[in-house]
Amino acid sequence: MPQRPNRSSVQSAVNATAARVGERLTKQIRAVEAERDGAYRERAHLVALLAALTDDAVISYARDVEEPGWQIVYLTLGDHQASWHISPRDADLFAHVERVDVEDPRAQWDGHTTEAKYERIAAWTAELAARCGPACSEMHTETGRCVTAKHRSPAATEQP
């Protein structure tokens, strides 16, 4: 008749298995976090580019995040605000954006939701595409902003 394992050998086996599972899960968590951080870094690059192409972009410290160093970049796209939280690890991408105090009127969230922000971006993108398509690329100033498009109505660029 086989002997029954003692309690201490069973506990050792359980602990060893738990340690292996824990190590595997830790590696998986680190991989997922690295992928997430890479996606946020990519987004931060695009927001930094958008800020460089947008008049009146400002950045201020985020009052709604307890972790130090978080910031919020505020852009005006058309007549609407869009804002993003910026991680301290991505702050270097926003050195070109005007830093303002958290009390500055330009750094006050207008209450837009994430869904509304992306609806605003879609509408602004469509308007810019209608007003300032590839045909006016030679009309851009040294700042990259289109001088001609400011004076062109969307109707003037519509095809018959």
N, C-alpha and C. Protein backbone atom coordinates (compact mmCIF):
# COMPACT_ATOMS: atom_id res chain seq x y z
N MET A 1 0.84 -1.17 0.00
CA MET A 1 0.00 0.00 0.00
C MET A 1 0.90 1.25 0.00
N PRO A 2 0.64 2.18 -0.95
CA PRO A 2 1.48 3.38 -1.01
C PRO A 2 1.30 4.23 0.25
N GLN A 3 2.42 4.90 0.59
CA GLN A 3 2.35 5.76 1.77
C GLN A 3 1.73 7.10 1.41
N ARG A 4 1.03 7.59 2.33
CA ARG A 4 0.41 8.90 2.19
C ARG A 4 1.49 9.98 2.36
N PRO A 5 1.52 11.01 1.47
CA PRO A 5 2.54 12.05 1.63
C PRO A 5 2.29 12.83 2.92
N ASN A 6 3.40 13.26 3.52
CA ASN A 6 3.21 14.03 4.74
C ASN A 6 2.84 15.47 4.40
N ARG A 7 2.31 16.12 5.36
CA ARG A 7 1.79 17.49 5.19
C ARG A 7 2.88 18.45 4.72
N SER A 8 4.06 18.32 5.23
CA SER A 8 5.14 19.23 4.88
C SER A 8 5.57 19.06 3.42
N SER A 9 5.62 17.86 2.87
CA SER A 9 6.00 17.67 1.46
C SER A 9 4.90 18.20 0.53
N VAL A 10 3.65 18.05 0.92
CA VAL A 10 2.55 18.59 0.12
C VAL A 10 2.63 20.12 0.11
N GLN A 11 2.88 20.71 1.27
CA GLN A 11 2.98 22.18 1.36
C GLN A 11 4.15 22.69 0.53
N SER A 12 5.27 21.99 0.54
CA SER A 12 6.43 22.38 -0.27
C SER A 12 6.10 22.34 -1.76
N ALA A 13 5.41 21.30 -2.18
CA ALA A 13 5.03 21.19 -3.60
C ALA A 13 4.07 22.31 -3.99
N VAL A 14 3.11 22.61 -3.13
CA VAL A 14 2.16 23.70 -3.39
C VAL A 14 2.90 25.03 -3.47
N ASN A 15 3.82 25.27 -2.55
CA ASN A 15 4.59 26.52 -2.55
C ASN A 15 5.43 26.66 -3.81
N ALA A 16 6.06 25.58 -4.24
CA ALA A 16 6.88 25.62 -5.45
C ALA A 16 6.03 25.91 -6.68
N THR A 17 4.87 25.27 -6.75
CA THR A 17 3.95 25.52 -7.87
C THR A 17 3.47 26.96 -7.85
N ALA A 18 3.10 27.46 -6.69
CA ALA A 18 2.64 28.84 -6.55
C ALA A 18 3.74 29.83 -6.97
N ALA A 19 4.96 29.54 -6.62
CA ALA A 19 6.08 30.40 -6.99
C ALA A 19 6.27 30.44 -8.50
N ARG A 20 6.18 29.28 -9.16
CA ARG A 20 6.32 29.22 -10.62
C ARG A 20 5.18 29.98 -11.30
N VAL A 21 3.96 29.78 -10.81
CA VAL A 21 2.80 30.48 -11.37
C VAL A 21 2.96 31.99 -11.15
N GLY A 22 3.39 32.36 -9.96
CA GLY A 22 3.60 33.78 -9.65
C GLY A 22 4.63 34.42 -10.57
N GLU A 23 5.74 33.71 -10.80
CA GLU A 23 6.78 34.23 -11.71
C GLU A 23 6.24 34.39 -13.12
N ARG A 24 5.49 33.39 -13.58
CA ARG A 24 4.91 33.45 -14.93
C ARG A 24 3.94 34.62 -15.06
N LEU A 25 3.08 34.80 -14.05
CA LEU A 25 2.12 35.90 -14.08
C LEU A 25 2.82 37.26 -14.01
N THR A 26 3.87 37.34 -13.21
CA THR A 26 4.63 38.59 -13.11
C THR A 26 5.23 38.95 -14.47
N LYS A 27 5.79 37.97 -15.17
CA LYS A 27 6.34 38.22 -16.51
C LYS A 27 5.25 38.67 -17.47
N GLN A 28 4.09 38.03 -17.41
CA GLN A 28 2.98 38.40 -18.29
C GLN A 28 2.49 39.81 -17.99
N ILE A 29 2.39 40.14 -16.71
CA ILE A 29 1.96 41.49 -16.32
C ILE A 29 2.95 42.52 -16.82
N ARG A 30 4.24 42.25 -16.67
CA ARG A 30 5.26 43.19 -17.15
C ARG A 30 5.18 43.37 -18.65
N ALA A 31 4.92 42.29 -19.39
CA ALA A 31 4.80 42.38 -20.85
C ALA A 31 3.58 43.22 -21.24
N VAL A 32 2.47 43.00 -20.55
CA VAL A 32 1.25 43.77 -20.84
C VAL A 32 1.46 45.24 -20.49
N GLU A 33 2.10 45.51 -19.37
CA GLU A 33 2.39 46.90 -18.98
C GLU A 33 3.31 47.57 -19.98
N ALA A 34 4.32 46.87 -20.47
CA ALA A 34 5.24 47.43 -21.46
C ALA A 34 4.49 47.74 -22.76
N GLU A 35 3.60 46.85 -23.16
CA GLU A 35 2.80 47.09 -24.37
C GLU A 35 1.89 48.31 -24.18
N ARG A 36 1.24 48.40 -23.01
CA ARG A 36 0.38 49.54 -22.71
C ARG A 36 1.20 50.84 -22.70
N ASP A 37 2.35 50.82 -22.03
CA ASP A 37 3.18 52.02 -21.96
C ASP A 37 3.67 52.44 -23.35
N GLY A 38 3.97 51.45 -24.20
CA GLY A 38 4.37 51.76 -25.58
C GLY A 38 3.24 52.43 -26.35
N ALA A 39 2.02 51.96 -26.14
CA ALA A 39 0.87 52.56 -26.82
C ALA A 39 0.64 53.99 -26.32
N TYR A 40 0.79 54.20 -25.01
CA TYR A 40 0.64 55.56 -24.47
C TYR A 40 1.75 56.48 -24.97
N ARG A 41 2.96 55.95 -25.11
CA ARG A 41 4.06 56.76 -25.64
C ARG A 41 3.78 57.14 -27.08
N GLU A 42 3.26 56.19 -27.86
CA GLU A 42 2.90 56.48 -29.25
C GLU A 42 1.83 57.56 -29.29
N ARG A 43 0.81 57.43 -28.46
CA ARG A 43 -0.25 58.44 -28.40
C ARG A 43 0.34 59.80 -28.01
N ALA A 44 1.25 59.80 -27.04
CA ALA A 44 1.86 61.05 -26.60
C ALA A 44 2.63 61.72 -27.74
N HIS A 45 3.31 60.94 -28.55
CA HIS A 45 4.00 61.50 -29.72
C HIS A 45 3.01 62.20 -30.64
N LEU A 46 1.88 61.57 -30.90
CA LEU A 46 0.88 62.15 -31.79
C LEU A 46 0.23 63.38 -31.19
N VAL A 47 -0.04 63.37 -29.90
CA VAL A 47 -0.61 64.55 -29.24
C VAL A 47 0.41 65.69 -29.25
N ALA A 48 1.69 65.38 -29.06
CA ALA A 48 2.74 66.40 -29.12
C ALA A 48 2.81 67.02 -30.51
N LEU A 49 2.68 66.19 -31.54
CA LEU A 49 2.65 66.71 -32.91
C LEU A 49 1.43 67.60 -33.11
N LEU A 50 0.29 67.15 -32.67
CA LEU A 50 -0.94 67.94 -32.79
C LEU A 50 -0.79 69.27 -32.05
N ALA A 51 -0.17 69.24 -30.88
CA ALA A 51 0.06 70.48 -30.11
C ALA A 51 0.96 71.44 -30.88
N ALA A 52 1.96 70.91 -31.57
CA ALA A 52 2.86 71.75 -32.35
C ALA A 52 2.15 72.39 -33.54
N LEU A 53 1.11 71.76 -34.02
CA LEU A 53 0.37 72.25 -35.18
C LEU A 53 -0.86 73.06 -34.79
N THR A 54 -1.09 73.24 -33.51
CA THR A 54 -2.29 73.89 -33.02
C THR A 54 -1.94 75.19 -32.31
N ASP A 55 -2.58 76.27 -32.71
CA ASP A 55 -2.37 77.54 -32.01
C ASP A 55 -2.91 77.42 -30.59
N ASP A 56 -2.27 78.10 -29.67
CA ASP A 56 -2.74 78.23 -28.28
C ASP A 56 -2.73 76.93 -27.48
N ALA A 57 -1.90 75.96 -27.84
CA ALA A 57 -1.77 74.75 -27.02
C ALA A 57 -1.09 75.13 -25.70
N VAL A 58 -1.59 74.57 -24.61
CA VAL A 58 -0.98 74.81 -23.30
C VAL A 58 -0.92 73.49 -22.54
N ILE A 59 -0.02 73.46 -21.54
CA ILE A 59 0.10 72.29 -20.68
C ILE A 59 0.21 72.77 -19.24
N SER A 60 -0.40 72.03 -18.35
CA SER A 60 -0.38 72.38 -16.94
C SER A 60 -0.36 71.10 -16.12
N TYR A 61 -0.03 71.22 -14.85
CA TYR A 61 -0.04 70.03 -14.00
C TYR A 61 -1.46 69.56 -13.77
N ALA A 62 -1.62 68.27 -13.66
CA ALA A 62 -2.94 67.66 -13.48
C ALA A 62 -3.30 67.66 -11.99
N ARG A 63 -4.34 68.38 -11.67
CA ARG A 63 -4.80 68.42 -10.27
C ARG A 63 -5.57 67.16 -9.90
N ASP A 64 -6.07 66.44 -10.89
CA ASP A 64 -6.92 65.28 -10.62
C ASP A 64 -6.15 63.97 -10.50
N VAL A 65 -4.82 64.03 -10.55
CA VAL A 65 -4.00 62.83 -10.42
C VAL A 65 -3.10 63.01 -9.20
N GLU A 66 -3.17 62.08 -8.27
CA GLU A 66 -2.39 62.19 -7.04
C GLU A 66 -0.91 61.92 -7.25
N GLU A 67 -0.59 61.09 -8.25
CA GLU A 67 0.80 60.76 -8.53
C GLU A 67 1.51 62.01 -9.07
N PRO A 68 2.69 62.34 -8.55
CA PRO A 68 3.36 63.57 -8.99
C PRO A 68 3.83 63.51 -10.44
N GLY A 69 3.89 64.68 -11.07
CA GLY A 69 4.44 64.80 -12.41
C GLY A 69 3.46 64.68 -13.56
N TRP A 70 2.23 64.25 -13.30
CA TRP A 70 1.25 64.13 -14.37
C TRP A 70 0.82 65.52 -14.81
N GLN A 71 0.59 65.66 -16.12
CA GLN A 71 0.19 66.93 -16.70
C GLN A 71 -1.01 66.73 -17.61
N ILE A 72 -1.61 67.83 -17.99
CA ILE A 72 -2.70 67.79 -18.97
C ILE A 72 -2.38 68.80 -20.06
N VAL A 73 -2.45 68.35 -21.30
CA VAL A 73 -2.28 69.26 -22.43
C VAL A 73 -3.67 69.61 -22.94
N TYR A 74 -3.88 70.90 -23.18
CA TYR A 74 -5.17 71.42 -23.66
C TYR A 74 -4.97 72.02 -25.04
N LEU A 75 -5.78 71.57 -25.98
CA LEU A 75 -5.74 72.10 -27.34
C LEU A 75 -7.11 72.65 -27.70
N THR A 76 -7.13 73.65 -28.56
CA THR A 76 -8.38 74.15 -29.11
C THR A 76 -8.39 73.74 -30.57
N LEU A 77 -9.35 72.89 -30.92
CA LEU A 77 -9.49 72.39 -32.29
C LEU A 77 -10.78 72.97 -32.84
N GLY A 78 -10.64 73.90 -33.77
CA GLY A 78 -11.82 74.63 -34.21
C GLY A 78 -12.26 75.50 -33.04
N ASP A 79 -13.47 75.31 -32.61
CA ASP A 79 -13.98 76.07 -31.47
C ASP A 79 -14.12 75.19 -30.22
N HIS A 80 -13.48 74.03 -30.22
CA HIS A 80 -13.69 73.09 -29.12
C HIS A 80 -12.38 72.67 -28.47
N GLN A 81 -12.48 72.37 -27.19
CA GLN A 81 -11.33 71.91 -26.44
C GLN A 81 -11.16 70.39 -26.57
N ALA A 82 -9.91 69.98 -26.57
CA ALA A 82 -9.55 68.57 -26.46
C ALA A 82 -8.38 68.52 -25.48
N SER A 83 -8.38 67.56 -24.59
CA SER A 83 -7.31 67.49 -23.60
C SER A 83 -6.91 66.04 -23.35
N TRP A 84 -5.64 65.88 -22.95
CA TRP A 84 -5.11 64.55 -22.66
C TRP A 84 -4.23 64.62 -21.42
N HIS A 85 -4.31 63.59 -20.57
CA HIS A 85 -3.37 63.44 -19.48
C HIS A 85 -2.04 62.97 -20.07
N ILE A 86 -0.96 63.52 -19.55
CA ILE A 86 0.37 63.19 -20.02
C ILE A 86 1.18 62.63 -18.85
N SER A 87 1.69 61.43 -19.04
CA SER A 87 2.49 60.76 -18.02
C SER A 87 3.82 61.49 -17.83
N PRO A 88 4.36 61.45 -16.62
CA PRO A 88 5.68 62.06 -16.40
C PRO A 88 6.74 61.50 -17.36
N ARG A 89 6.64 60.22 -17.73
CA ARG A 89 7.66 59.64 -18.62
C ARG A 89 7.55 60.18 -20.05
N ASP A 90 6.42 60.84 -20.38
CA ASP A 90 6.24 61.40 -21.72
C ASP A 90 6.37 62.93 -21.75
N ALA A 91 6.67 63.52 -20.60
CA ALA A 91 6.72 64.99 -20.50
C ALA A 91 7.75 65.59 -21.45
N ASP A 92 8.83 64.88 -21.73
CA ASP A 92 9.88 65.40 -22.61
C ASP A 92 9.35 65.73 -24.00
N LEU A 93 8.28 65.10 -24.41
CA LEU A 93 7.72 65.33 -25.75
C LEU A 93 6.98 66.66 -25.85
N PHE A 94 6.74 67.31 -24.71
CA PHE A 94 5.92 68.51 -24.68
C PHE A 94 6.69 69.76 -24.27
N ALA A 95 8.01 69.73 -24.43
CA ALA A 95 8.84 70.88 -24.07
C ALA A 95 8.48 72.11 -24.90
N HIS A 96 7.94 71.92 -26.09
CA HIS A 96 7.59 73.02 -26.99
C HIS A 96 6.24 73.66 -26.66
N VAL A 97 5.49 73.07 -25.73
CA VAL A 97 4.14 73.56 -25.41
C VAL A 97 4.24 74.54 -24.24
N GLU A 98 3.51 75.65 -24.37
CA GLU A 98 3.52 76.67 -23.32
C GLU A 98 3.00 76.10 -22.00
N ARG A 99 3.82 76.23 -20.95
CA ARG A 99 3.42 75.77 -19.62
C ARG A 99 2.67 76.92 -18.95
N VAL A 100 1.50 76.60 -18.39
CA VAL A 100 0.71 77.60 -17.68
C VAL A 100 0.33 77.08 -16.31
N ASP A 101 -0.05 78.00 -15.44
CA ASP A 101 -0.50 77.66 -14.10
C ASP A 101 -1.84 76.94 -14.17
N VAL A 102 -2.11 76.12 -13.18
CA VAL A 102 -3.37 75.37 -13.17
C VAL A 102 -4.58 76.28 -13.11
N GLU A 103 -4.41 77.52 -12.69
CA GLU A 103 -5.52 78.47 -12.63
C GLU A 103 -5.72 79.24 -13.93
N ASP A 104 -4.82 79.08 -14.89
CA ASP A 104 -4.93 79.78 -16.17
C ASP A 104 -6.25 79.38 -16.85
N PRO A 105 -7.00 80.33 -17.38
CA PRO A 105 -8.28 80.00 -18.03
C PRO A 105 -8.14 79.00 -19.18
N ARG A 106 -6.99 78.98 -19.83
CA ARG A 106 -6.79 78.05 -20.95
C ARG A 106 -6.58 76.62 -20.47
N ALA A 107 -6.34 76.45 -19.17
CA ALA A 107 -6.09 75.12 -18.61
C ALA A 107 -7.27 74.66 -17.76
N GLN A 108 -8.46 75.06 -18.17
CA GLN A 108 -9.67 74.65 -17.44
C GLN A 108 -10.47 73.70 -18.32
N TRP A 109 -10.65 72.50 -17.84
CA TRP A 109 -11.38 71.47 -18.57
C TRP A 109 -12.82 71.92 -18.79
N ASP A 110 -13.31 71.78 -20.01
CA ASP A 110 -14.67 72.21 -20.34
C ASP A 110 -15.72 71.13 -20.10
N GLY A 111 -15.31 70.00 -19.55
CA GLY A 111 -16.26 68.94 -19.21
C GLY A 111 -16.46 67.91 -20.31
N HIS A 112 -15.72 68.00 -21.40
CA HIS A 112 -15.91 67.05 -22.50
C HIS A 112 -15.55 65.62 -22.06
N THR A 113 -16.29 64.68 -22.60
CA THR A 113 -16.00 63.26 -22.36
C THR A 113 -14.97 62.80 -23.40
N THR A 114 -14.43 61.62 -23.20
CA THR A 114 -13.51 61.06 -24.19
C THR A 114 -14.23 60.90 -25.53
N GLU A 115 -15.45 60.40 -25.49
CA GLU A 115 -16.23 60.22 -26.72
C GLU A 115 -16.44 61.56 -27.42
N ALA A 116 -16.80 62.60 -26.68
CA ALA A 116 -17.00 63.93 -27.28
C ALA A 116 -15.70 64.47 -27.85
N LYS A 117 -14.59 64.22 -27.15
CA LYS A 117 -13.29 64.70 -27.64
C LYS A 117 -13.00 64.12 -29.02
N TYR A 118 -13.21 62.81 -29.18
CA TYR A 118 -12.90 62.20 -30.47
C TYR A 118 -13.94 62.55 -31.54
N GLU A 119 -15.16 62.87 -31.15
CA GLU A 119 -16.13 63.39 -32.11
C GLU A 119 -15.68 64.77 -32.59
N ARG A 120 -15.19 65.60 -31.66
CA ARG A 120 -14.68 66.93 -32.02
C ARG A 120 -13.48 66.81 -32.96
N ILE A 121 -12.60 65.86 -32.67
CA ILE A 121 -11.43 65.67 -33.53
C ILE A 121 -11.86 65.24 -34.92
N ALA A 122 -12.82 64.35 -35.01
CA ALA A 122 -13.31 63.89 -36.32
C ALA A 122 -13.92 65.06 -37.10
N ALA A 123 -14.70 65.88 -36.43
CA ALA A 123 -15.32 67.03 -37.10
C ALA A 123 -14.26 68.03 -37.55
N TRP A 124 -13.28 68.30 -36.70
CA TRP A 124 -12.22 69.24 -37.06
C TRP A 124 -11.37 68.69 -38.19
N THR A 125 -11.09 67.41 -38.18
CA THR A 125 -10.34 66.77 -39.26
C THR A 125 -11.08 66.91 -40.58
N ALA A 126 -12.37 66.65 -40.57
CA ALA A 126 -13.18 66.77 -41.79
C ALA A 126 -13.17 68.21 -42.29
N GLU A 127 -13.28 69.17 -41.37
CA GLU A 127 -13.27 70.58 -41.78
C GLU A 127 -11.92 70.96 -42.38
N LEU A 128 -10.85 70.54 -41.74
CA LEU A 128 -9.52 70.86 -42.28
C LEU A 128 -9.29 70.20 -43.63
N ALA A 129 -9.75 68.98 -43.77
CA ALA A 129 -9.59 68.30 -45.06
C ALA A 129 -10.34 69.03 -46.16
N ALA A 130 -11.50 69.56 -45.83
CA ALA A 130 -12.29 70.30 -46.82
C ALA A 130 -11.65 71.64 -47.15
N ARG A 131 -11.12 72.32 -46.13
CA ARG A 131 -10.55 73.65 -46.33
C ARG A 131 -9.11 73.63 -46.79
N CYS A 132 -8.36 72.65 -46.34
CA CYS A 132 -6.91 72.71 -46.49
C CYS A 132 -6.37 71.36 -46.92
N GLY A 133 -6.76 70.93 -48.09
CA GLY A 133 -6.30 69.64 -48.58
C GLY A 133 -4.92 69.73 -49.20
N PRO A 134 -4.49 68.69 -49.89
CA PRO A 134 -3.16 68.65 -50.48
C PRO A 134 -2.91 69.77 -51.49
N ALA A 135 -3.96 70.30 -52.10
CA ALA A 135 -3.79 71.34 -53.12
C ALA A 135 -3.15 72.60 -52.57
N CYS A 136 -3.26 72.85 -51.29
CA CYS A 136 -2.69 74.09 -50.75
C CYS A 136 -1.38 73.86 -50.01
N SER A 137 -0.76 72.71 -50.18
CA SER A 137 0.46 72.41 -49.42
C SER A 137 1.57 73.43 -49.67
N GLU A 138 1.59 74.04 -50.82
CA GLU A 138 2.62 75.04 -51.12
C GLU A 138 2.33 76.38 -50.46
N MET A 139 1.14 76.55 -49.93
CA MET A 139 0.74 77.82 -49.33
C MET A 139 1.05 77.89 -47.84
N HIS A 140 1.71 76.88 -47.30
CA HIS A 140 1.97 76.87 -45.87
C HIS A 140 3.11 77.81 -45.51
N THR A 141 2.98 78.41 -44.35
CA THR A 141 4.03 79.32 -43.88
C THR A 141 5.15 78.51 -43.26
N GLU A 142 6.18 79.21 -42.82
CA GLU A 142 7.30 78.52 -42.18
C GLU A 142 6.87 77.83 -40.88
N THR A 143 5.73 78.20 -40.31
CA THR A 143 5.24 77.54 -39.10
C THR A 143 4.47 76.28 -39.43
N GLY A 144 4.19 76.07 -40.72
CA GLY A 144 3.43 74.89 -41.10
C GLY A 144 1.94 75.12 -41.16
N ARG A 145 1.50 76.33 -40.83
CA ARG A 145 0.08 76.63 -40.85
C ARG A 145 -0.32 77.21 -42.20
N CYS A 146 -1.45 76.82 -42.69
CA CYS A 146 -1.90 77.24 -44.00
C CYS A 146 -2.52 78.63 -43.93
N VAL A 147 -1.93 79.56 -44.68
CA VAL A 147 -2.43 80.92 -44.71
C VAL A 147 -3.69 81.00 -45.57
N THR A 148 -3.70 80.32 -46.70
CA THR A 148 -4.83 80.38 -47.62
C THR A 148 -6.09 79.80 -47.02
N ALA A 149 -5.97 78.71 -46.30
CA ALA A 149 -7.15 78.03 -45.77
C ALA A 149 -7.93 78.89 -44.79
N LYS A 150 -7.27 79.79 -44.10
CA LYS A 150 -7.97 80.66 -43.15
C LYS A 150 -9.02 81.52 -43.86
N HIS A 151 -8.78 81.80 -45.13
CA HIS A 151 -9.66 82.71 -45.86
C HIS A 151 -10.57 81.98 -46.83
N ARG A 152 -10.50 80.68 -46.85
CA ARG A 152 -11.29 79.87 -47.77
C ARG A 152 -12.44 79.23 -47.00
N SER A 153 -13.62 79.32 -47.54
CA SER A 153 -14.76 78.66 -46.87
C SER A 153 -14.82 77.21 -47.33
N PRO A 154 -15.42 76.31 -46.52
CA PRO A 154 -15.55 74.91 -46.95
C PRO A 154 -16.30 74.79 -48.25
N ALA A 155 -17.28 75.65 -48.50
CA ALA A 155 -18.07 75.59 -49.74
C ALA A 155 -17.21 75.88 -50.97
N ALA A 156 -16.19 76.72 -50.79
CA ALA A 156 -15.34 77.09 -51.92
C ALA A 156 -14.48 75.93 -52.41
N THR A 157 -14.27 74.94 -51.58
CA THR A 157 -13.42 73.82 -51.95
C THR A 157 -14.21 72.60 -52.41
N GLU A 158 -15.55 72.67 -52.34
CA GLU A 158 -16.38 71.53 -52.73
C GLU A 158 -16.33 71.34 -54.24
N GLN A 159 -16.33 70.10 -54.65
CA GLN A 159 -16.32 69.77 -56.08
C GLN A 159 -17.77 69.75 -56.59
N PRO A 160 -18.01 70.20 -57.83
CA PRO A 160 -19.38 70.18 -58.37
C PRO A 160 -19.85 68.77 -58.64
